[in-house]
Amino acid sequence: MTMKKIFSIALSAITLLAAGACCEIEDGTTDIKEWPMPQKTYSPKVYTINHPAMLHSASDIDYVKAHLGQKPWSEAYQKLLTSGFSNNNYTASPVPILARLDAGNWGDGGGRWDDAGIRDLYYPGIHNNYTNFFRDCAAAYQLSLKWVLSGDADAAATAVKILEDWAAVNKGILVGRGPRFKDEVVDPNEYLIMFQVHQAANAAELLRNYNGWDKTESFGKVVNWLTEYFAPFCSKFIATNVTNHSWMNWDLASMTALLSMGILADDQELINEAILHFKQGEGPGCIMRKGVIAVYDDPSGTGEKLAQGNESGRDQGHNMLCAALVGTFCQMAYNIGEDLFSFEDGRAIAFAQYIAKYNLVKPEFGTSYDKGLLSDGSFRYPESSLPFTTYTYK
């Protein structure tokens, strides 16, 4: 798949919504805790960053602009324009402290707020105020896309204001001040706020050339807001999520955030931290360790590989979230010269293929692959015959 096709597919999805030693195993059961580390080791690199160079490069943008009069680009572009988040009159709703907390424990301002030493921060609804963040990050990103594709300066101005408003008001995520949660998140769900960070960073990256914004103090404040208040928690999470407690999507949330912030800030350390974790980290974000359970030959005879992921068999919603995040992560790396799509015989592509082909399962075909062949020559996987390895993960 070419970079152009990848960008086109990514644009469509966004606008519609917003070889290793460890994994070559036979069908059966494995305890993920017993897996060895990858045999290869990788060292930090110095990456050349030609801005914009995150999810969309300048050539990506030019390619799509040249095809906006053709399907499917024209259809995707209309979805963008009518999404509700690309409205030039959109107004941000920043909050001083972001929280994503379990409502049963934190929704009523009860004793936990006292234990954490943050009673003074409570107000009704604070436990889920991260919804402000994900809406506003989506809007900033979609408005920035609208600008680079159409030249709509009003869209760019609105996107810039959204980011500047958040940078002026927000001080990161909720942490404890009392002895119980001193300088720590008060609920692990707060780490999932990192899902939105790469959208904000991608928006800022696309807006660099809007009236020379990247040369202004305001741009610097946006960059500092992201790197100061979110990057440390991302780093801490991927360094400590090695005990098989949190699933792959948790690691990927912090990894995509770190990589996006590294590119935005021209910070080689953040970039390498994220990419090296993908290649050889100890957590489930490592596609060579815990991120992929097993690799199979495609039983339909395509000659391709299928890679069963960490959340396969958990639920397909989270599994597809992982595919989306791996795609985003690899595309951002690709645009700074690191081809993670082809890394280790295309492990990321095999991972996405497995997830996509699971979605094509037709249980009524039974267990014979012969029955999976349709009249048009295409193939559907019988559920009981799709390769799957049972594994233990907490």
Protein backbone atom coordinates (compact mmCIF):
# COMPACT_ATOMS: atom_id res chain seq x y z
CA MET A 1 0.00 0.00 0.00
CA THR A 2 1.44 3.36 -0.96
CA MET A 3 1.76 6.37 1.29
CA LYS A 4 -0.86 8.11 -0.85
CA LYS A 5 -3.38 5.33 -0.36
CA ILE A 6 -2.65 5.20 3.35
CA PHE A 7 -3.33 8.93 3.67
CA SER A 8 -6.53 8.68 1.66
CA ILE A 9 -7.83 5.84 3.78
CA ALA A 10 -6.85 7.67 6.96
CA LEU A 11 -8.67 10.81 5.81
CA SER A 12 -11.79 8.82 5.01
CA ALA A 13 -11.78 7.08 8.37
CA ILE A 14 -11.10 10.24 10.32
CA THR A 15 -13.80 12.19 8.66
CA LEU A 16 -16.31 9.40 9.04
CA LEU A 17 -15.49 9.06 12.72
CA ALA A 18 -13.11 11.22 14.08
CA ALA A 19 9.72 -12.48 13.06
CA GLY A 20 10.53 -12.42 16.20
CA ALA A 21 11.53 -15.17 18.47
CA CYS A 22 8.59 -14.40 20.69
CA CYS A 23 5.68 -15.06 18.38
CA GLU A 24 6.27 -17.94 15.96
CA ILE A 25 4.23 -20.56 17.80
CA GLU A 26 1.76 -23.27 16.88
CA ASP A 27 -1.95 -23.22 17.71
CA GLY A 28 -2.39 -23.89 21.40
CA THR A 29 -1.97 -22.06 24.67
CA THR A 30 0.81 -19.78 25.81
CA ASP A 31 1.43 -17.72 28.91
CA ILE A 32 2.48 -14.28 27.72
CA LYS A 33 4.62 -13.79 30.82
CA GLU A 34 6.98 -16.51 29.62
CA TRP A 35 7.74 -14.89 26.28
CA PRO A 36 11.38 -13.88 25.72
CA MET A 37 12.41 -10.41 24.71
CA PRO A 38 13.11 -9.88 21.00
CA GLN A 39 16.56 -11.13 20.05
CA LYS A 40 17.42 -7.97 18.10
CA THR A 41 18.22 -4.69 19.76
CA TYR A 42 17.79 -1.25 18.28
CA SER A 43 19.54 2.03 18.98
CA PRO A 44 18.27 5.62 18.89
CA LYS A 45 18.44 7.47 15.59
CA VAL A 46 18.56 11.09 14.55
CA TYR A 47 15.50 11.76 12.42
CA THR A 48 15.21 14.44 9.75
CA ILE A 49 11.94 16.29 10.20
CA ASN A 50 10.62 18.26 7.24
CA HIS A 51 7.53 19.97 8.59
CA PRO A 52 4.70 19.19 8.17
CA ALA A 53 5.87 15.68 8.93
CA MET A 54 3.44 13.98 11.23
CA LEU A 55 0.33 12.15 10.09
CA HIS A 56 0.32 14.09 6.80
CA SER A 57 3.36 15.24 4.84
CA ALA A 58 3.32 18.09 2.34
CA SER A 59 3.28 15.59 -0.53
CA ASP A 60 0.35 13.73 1.06
CA ILE A 61 -1.61 16.96 1.25
CA ASP A 62 -0.78 17.95 -2.33
CA TYR A 63 -1.83 14.51 -3.57
CA VAL A 64 -5.23 14.66 -1.91
CA LYS A 65 -5.83 18.25 -3.03
CA ALA A 66 -5.23 17.14 -6.60
CA HIS A 67 -7.86 14.41 -6.26
CA LEU A 68 -10.63 16.23 -4.39
CA GLY A 69 -12.77 16.20 -7.53
CA GLN A 70 -12.68 12.39 -7.69
CA LYS A 71 -14.15 9.60 -5.59
CA PRO A 72 -13.42 8.49 -2.90
CA TRP A 73 -11.57 11.70 -1.99
CA SER A 74 -14.54 13.91 -2.83
CA GLU A 75 -16.86 11.82 -0.67
CA ALA A 76 -14.43 11.84 2.26
CA TYR A 77 -13.98 15.57 1.91
CA GLN A 78 -17.74 16.13 2.09
CA LYS A 79 -17.83 14.06 5.28
CA LEU A 80 -15.18 16.36 6.68
CA LEU A 81 -17.09 19.50 5.74
CA THR A 82 -20.34 18.22 7.28
CA SER A 83 -18.97 16.50 10.38
CA GLY A 84 -19.97 19.25 12.79
CA PHE A 85 -16.41 19.49 14.08
CA SER A 86 -15.14 21.48 11.10
CA ASN A 87 -17.48 24.40 11.74
CA ASN A 88 -15.61 27.70 11.49
CA ASN A 89 -17.66 29.03 14.41
CA TYR A 90 -16.66 26.20 16.74
CA THR A 91 -15.84 27.37 20.28
CA ALA A 92 -13.49 25.51 22.61
CA SER A 93 -14.37 24.50 26.16
CA PRO A 94 -11.05 24.15 27.97
CA VAL A 95 -10.88 23.05 31.59
CA PRO A 96 -8.06 23.74 34.08
CA ILE A 97 -7.62 20.08 35.07
CA LEU A 98 -8.61 17.07 32.95
CA ALA A 99 -10.13 13.99 34.54
CA ARG A 100 -11.39 10.63 33.34
CA LEU A 101 -12.58 8.82 36.46
CA ASP A 102 -14.86 5.96 37.37
CA ALA A 103 -18.21 7.53 38.21
CA GLY A 104 -18.96 5.03 40.95
CA ASN A 105 -15.85 6.00 42.90
CA TRP A 106 -15.33 9.61 41.94
CA GLY A 107 -18.59 11.03 40.63
CA ASP A 108 -20.05 12.32 43.87
CA GLY A 109 -17.17 14.21 45.44
CA GLY A 110 -16.97 11.70 48.27
CA GLY A 111 -14.19 10.55 50.54
CA ARG A 112 -11.75 9.67 47.80
CA TRP A 113 -11.41 13.34 46.96
CA ASP A 114 -10.41 14.00 50.58
CA ASP A 115 -7.96 11.08 50.60
CA ALA A 116 -6.34 12.40 47.44
CA GLY A 117 -6.12 15.92 48.86
CA ILE A 118 -8.10 17.41 45.96
CA ARG A 119 -11.50 18.14 47.52
CA ASP A 120 -11.15 21.79 46.47
CA LEU A 121 -11.01 20.77 42.81
CA TYR A 122 -14.30 18.88 42.80
CA TYR A 123 -17.35 20.09 40.91
CA PRO A 124 -20.21 18.00 39.48
CA GLY A 125 -19.11 16.45 36.21
CA ILE A 126 -15.38 16.91 36.65
CA HIS A 127 -14.87 13.14 36.70
CA ASN A 128 -15.65 12.99 32.95
CA ASN A 129 -14.62 16.42 31.72
CA TYR A 130 -12.15 14.80 29.31
CA THR A 131 -15.10 14.81 26.88
CA ASN A 132 -14.39 18.53 26.39
CA PHE A 133 -10.87 17.60 25.37
CA PHE A 134 -11.74 14.92 22.84
CA ARG A 135 -14.33 17.11 21.15
CA ASP A 136 -12.04 20.11 20.96
CA CYS A 137 -9.04 18.08 19.75
CA ALA A 138 -11.23 16.56 17.02
CA ALA A 139 -12.39 20.03 16.02
CA ALA A 140 -8.87 21.50 15.93
CA TYR A 141 -7.65 18.62 13.80
CA GLN A 142 -10.57 18.63 11.37
CA LEU A 143 -10.46 22.40 10.98
CA SER A 144 -6.74 22.22 10.28
CA LEU A 145 -7.38 19.57 7.62
CA LYS A 146 -10.05 21.80 6.13
CA TRP A 147 -7.55 24.64 5.92
CA VAL A 148 -4.71 22.72 4.28
CA LEU A 149 -7.08 21.16 1.74
CA SER A 150 -9.16 24.23 0.89
CA GLY A 151 -7.18 27.28 1.98
CA ASP A 152 -10.04 28.37 4.26
CA ALA A 153 -8.27 30.88 6.52
CA ASP A 154 -11.24 31.14 8.88
CA ALA A 155 -10.99 27.42 9.56
CA ALA A 156 -7.30 27.81 10.40
CA ALA A 157 -7.97 30.77 12.68
CA THR A 158 -10.59 28.80 14.60
CA ALA A 159 -8.29 25.79 14.95
CA VAL A 160 -5.47 27.98 16.23
CA LYS A 161 -7.78 29.60 18.77
CA ILE A 162 -8.93 26.20 20.06
CA LEU A 163 -5.33 25.16 20.72
CA GLU A 164 -4.33 28.50 22.20
CA ASP A 165 -7.36 28.52 24.51
CA TRP A 166 -6.44 25.10 25.88
CA ALA A 167 -2.79 26.05 26.31
CA ALA A 168 -3.82 29.15 28.26
CA VAL A 169 -6.21 27.33 30.63
CA ASN A 170 -5.28 23.68 31.01
CA LYS A 171 -2.60 22.32 33.36
CA GLY A 172 -2.78 18.68 32.40
CA ILE A 173 -4.53 15.81 34.14
CA LEU A 174 -5.79 15.35 37.67
CA VAL A 175 -3.17 14.14 40.17
CA GLY A 176 -3.35 13.65 43.90
CA ARG A 177 -1.88 15.97 46.49
CA GLY A 178 -2.57 13.87 49.56
CA PRO A 179 -0.51 10.94 50.87
CA ARG A 180 -2.60 8.38 48.99
CA PHE A 181 -2.00 9.68 45.45
CA LYS A 182 0.87 12.11 45.88
CA ASP A 183 1.75 13.43 42.40
CA GLU A 184 0.08 10.36 40.85
CA VAL A 185 -3.04 9.99 38.75
CA VAL A 186 -5.95 9.22 41.04
CA ASP A 187 -7.48 6.72 38.61
CA PRO A 188 -5.60 4.72 35.93
CA ASN A 189 -8.30 5.64 33.39
CA GLU A 190 -6.73 9.09 33.27
CA TYR A 191 -3.92 7.65 31.17
CA LEU A 192 -6.46 7.14 28.40
CA ILE A 193 -6.82 10.91 28.05
CA MET A 194 -3.63 10.50 26.00
CA PHE A 195 -5.74 9.18 23.11
CA GLN A 196 -6.50 12.77 22.14
CA VAL A 197 -3.03 14.28 22.41
CA HIS A 198 -1.90 13.23 18.94
CA GLN A 199 -4.96 14.91 17.42
CA ALA A 200 -4.03 18.20 19.06
CA ALA A 201 -0.39 17.80 18.02
CA ASN A 202 -1.34 16.94 14.44
CA ALA A 203 -3.55 20.01 14.29
CA ALA A 204 -0.70 22.22 15.48
CA GLU A 205 1.64 20.60 12.97
CA LEU A 206 -0.70 21.31 10.06
CA LEU A 207 -1.18 24.90 11.20
CA ARG A 208 2.52 25.80 11.37
CA ASN A 209 2.41 27.79 8.15
CA TYR A 210 -0.78 29.66 8.90
CA ASN A 211 0.38 33.31 9.00
CA GLY A 212 3.75 32.13 10.31
CA TRP A 213 2.12 30.77 13.46
CA ASP A 214 5.03 28.44 14.19
CA LYS A 215 7.27 31.48 14.67
CA THR A 216 5.03 33.02 17.33
CA GLU A 217 5.07 32.90 21.10
CA SER A 218 1.57 31.44 21.04
CA PHE A 219 2.73 28.42 19.06
CA GLY A 220 5.52 27.87 21.55
CA LYS A 221 3.01 27.94 24.39
CA VAL A 222 0.93 25.24 22.70
CA VAL A 223 4.00 23.05 22.23
CA ASN A 224 5.08 23.61 25.83
CA TRP A 225 1.57 22.88 27.12
CA LEU A 226 1.57 19.47 25.45
CA THR A 227 5.12 18.45 26.29
CA GLU A 228 5.11 19.75 29.87
CA TYR A 229 1.76 18.42 31.03
CA PHE A 230 1.29 15.21 29.03
CA ALA A 231 4.66 13.82 27.93
CA PRO A 232 5.90 12.91 31.45
CA PHE A 233 2.81 10.83 32.15
CA CYS A 234 3.10 9.08 28.79
CA SER A 235 6.72 8.21 29.51
CA LYS A 236 5.91 6.97 32.97
CA PHE A 237 3.07 4.80 31.75
CA ILE A 238 4.90 2.93 29.02
CA ALA A 239 7.86 2.40 31.36
CA THR A 240 5.70 0.84 34.08
CA ASN A 241 2.98 -0.96 32.11
CA VAL A 242 5.00 -4.16 31.91
CA THR A 243 3.13 -6.36 34.38
CA ASN A 244 0.36 -7.56 32.04
CA HIS A 245 -2.18 -5.30 33.70
CA SER A 246 -3.26 -2.88 30.96
CA TRP A 247 -3.97 -3.89 27.37
CA MET A 248 -2.27 -2.86 24.16
CA ASN A 249 -4.49 0.16 23.47
CA TRP A 250 -3.29 1.76 26.72
CA ASP A 251 0.34 1.66 25.63
CA LEU A 252 -0.56 2.86 22.15
CA ALA A 253 -2.39 5.88 23.56
CA SER A 254 0.80 7.10 25.24
CA MET A 255 3.07 6.03 22.38
CA THR A 256 1.13 7.92 19.70
CA ALA A 257 1.05 10.94 21.99
CA LEU A 258 4.82 10.81 22.60
CA LEU A 259 5.66 10.40 18.93
CA SER A 260 3.38 13.26 17.89
CA MET A 261 4.75 15.59 20.56
CA GLY A 262 8.31 14.64 19.63
CA ILE A 263 7.75 15.54 15.99
CA LEU A 264 5.93 18.77 16.84
CA ALA A 265 8.67 19.87 19.25
CA ASP A 266 11.61 18.53 17.20
CA ASP A 267 12.46 16.45 20.26
CA GLN A 268 14.58 13.45 19.21
CA GLU A 269 14.40 11.87 22.65
CA LEU A 270 10.60 11.71 22.67
CA ILE A 271 10.58 10.34 19.13
CA ASN A 272 13.09 7.62 19.94
CA GLU A 273 11.38 6.74 23.19
CA ALA A 274 8.16 6.00 21.33
CA ILE A 275 9.68 4.17 18.36
CA LEU A 276 12.04 2.05 20.45
CA HIS A 277 9.13 1.00 22.66
CA PHE A 278 7.27 -0.14 19.53
CA LYS A 279 10.30 -2.19 18.45
CA GLN A 280 11.63 -3.61 21.71
CA GLY A 281 9.72 -2.33 24.73
CA GLU A 282 8.57 -4.60 27.51
CA GLY A 283 4.93 -3.49 27.43
CA PRO A 284 2.04 -4.50 25.15
CA GLY A 285 2.79 -1.60 22.79
CA CYS A 286 5.80 -3.56 21.53
CA ILE A 287 4.71 -5.33 18.38
CA MET A 288 7.50 -7.87 18.81
CA ARG A 289 6.75 -8.83 22.39
CA LYS A 290 3.29 -8.55 23.89
CA GLY A 291 1.54 -6.66 21.11
CA VAL A 292 1.34 -9.73 18.87
CA ILE A 293 0.42 -13.14 20.26
CA ALA A 294 1.18 -15.31 17.22
CA VAL A 295 1.92 -15.07 13.50
CA TYR A 296 0.34 -17.41 10.95
CA ASP A 297 0.41 -18.10 7.23
CA ASP A 298 -2.87 -16.86 5.75
CA PRO A 299 -4.90 -20.09 5.36
CA SER A 300 -6.67 -18.69 2.30
CA GLY A 301 -3.47 -19.13 0.31
CA THR A 302 -2.58 -15.48 -0.30
CA GLY A 303 0.99 -15.99 0.84
CA GLU A 304 0.50 -13.21 3.39
CA LYS A 305 1.00 -13.37 7.13
CA LEU A 306 -1.69 -12.81 9.75
CA ALA A 307 -0.69 -11.58 13.21
CA GLN A 308 -3.02 -12.15 16.16
CA GLY A 309 -2.94 -9.12 18.45
CA ASN A 310 -2.93 -8.61 22.19
CA GLU A 311 -6.66 -7.81 22.32
CA SER A 312 -7.85 -10.49 19.88
CA GLY A 313 -10.35 -12.59 21.78
CA ARG A 314 -10.96 -9.82 24.30
CA ASP A 315 -13.37 -7.76 22.21
CA GLN A 316 -13.27 -6.60 18.63
CA GLY A 317 -13.96 -2.96 19.45
CA HIS A 318 -10.73 -2.57 21.40
CA ASN A 319 -8.92 -4.76 18.88
CA MET A 320 -9.88 -2.41 16.05
CA LEU A 321 -8.87 0.57 18.19
CA CYS A 322 -5.40 -0.96 18.36
CA ALA A 323 -5.29 -1.29 14.56
CA ALA A 324 -6.26 2.37 14.18
CA LEU A 325 -3.59 3.49 16.62
CA VAL A 326 -0.88 1.28 15.12
CA GLY A 327 -1.76 2.72 11.72
CA THR A 328 -1.52 6.27 13.05
CA PHE A 329 1.75 5.52 14.84
CA CYS A 330 3.37 3.89 11.82
CA GLN A 331 2.25 6.65 9.45
CA MET A 332 3.70 9.37 11.69
CA ALA A 333 6.97 7.44 11.86
CA TYR A 334 6.91 6.90 8.08
CA ASN A 335 6.76 10.63 7.48
CA ILE A 336 10.04 11.16 9.36
CA GLY A 337 11.80 8.32 7.56
CA GLU A 338 11.11 5.30 9.80
CA ASP A 339 9.16 2.61 7.90
CA LEU A 340 7.44 0.66 10.64
CA PHE A 341 4.89 -0.72 8.18
CA SER A 342 7.61 -3.01 6.78
CA PHE A 343 9.39 -3.54 10.12
CA GLU A 344 10.08 -7.23 10.80
CA ASP A 345 8.47 -8.58 7.64
CA GLY A 346 5.50 -6.26 7.84
CA ARG A 347 4.39 -7.21 11.34
CA ALA A 348 2.12 -4.16 11.62
CA ILE A 349 0.43 -4.95 8.29
CA ALA A 350 -0.08 -8.60 9.30
CA PHE A 351 -1.60 -7.34 12.55
CA ALA A 352 -4.09 -5.16 10.66
CA GLN A 353 -4.85 -7.96 8.19
CA TYR A 354 -5.78 -10.36 10.97
CA ILE A 355 -8.18 -7.86 12.51
CA ALA A 356 -9.74 -6.95 9.16
CA LYS A 357 -10.23 -10.57 8.11
CA TYR A 358 -11.83 -11.43 11.43
CA ASN A 359 -14.47 -8.86 10.50
CA LEU A 360 -15.19 -10.90 7.37
CA VAL A 361 -16.01 -14.07 9.30
CA LYS A 362 -19.16 -15.84 8.16
CA PRO A 363 -20.01 -18.49 10.79
CA GLU A 364 -22.61 -20.09 8.55
CA PHE A 365 -19.84 -21.39 6.27
CA GLY A 366 -18.85 -23.86 8.97
CA THR A 367 -15.32 -25.13 9.38
CA SER A 368 -14.27 -25.88 5.81
CA TYR A 369 -12.13 -23.32 4.02
CA ASP A 370 -13.57 -24.60 0.73
CA LYS A 371 -16.95 -23.25 1.83
CA GLY A 372 -15.37 -19.89 2.39
CA LEU A 373 -14.91 -19.31 -1.34
CA LEU A 374 -17.69 -17.11 -2.72
CA SER A 375 -19.03 -16.97 -6.25
CA ASP A 376 -16.98 -13.87 -7.02
CA GLY A 377 -13.80 -15.65 -6.00
CA SER A 378 -13.38 -13.75 -2.73
CA PHE A 379 -12.84 -15.45 0.59
CA ARG A 380 -14.54 -15.34 3.95
CA TYR A 381 -13.17 -17.00 7.04
CA PRO A 382 -15.26 -19.60 8.86
CA GLU A 383 -15.16 -18.54 12.51
CA SER A 384 -14.05 -21.90 13.85
CA SER A 385 -11.17 -22.06 11.38
CA LEU A 386 -9.70 -18.58 11.76
CA PRO A 387 -6.23 -19.09 13.27
CA PHE A 388 -6.28 -18.33 16.98
CA THR A 389 -3.96 -19.06 19.89
CA THR A 390 -5.34 -19.04 23.42
CA TYR A 391 -3.17 -17.02 25.78
CA THR A 392 -3.03 -15.81 29.36
CA TYR A 393 -2.95 -12.08 30.07
CA LYS A 394 -3.95 -11.30 33.66
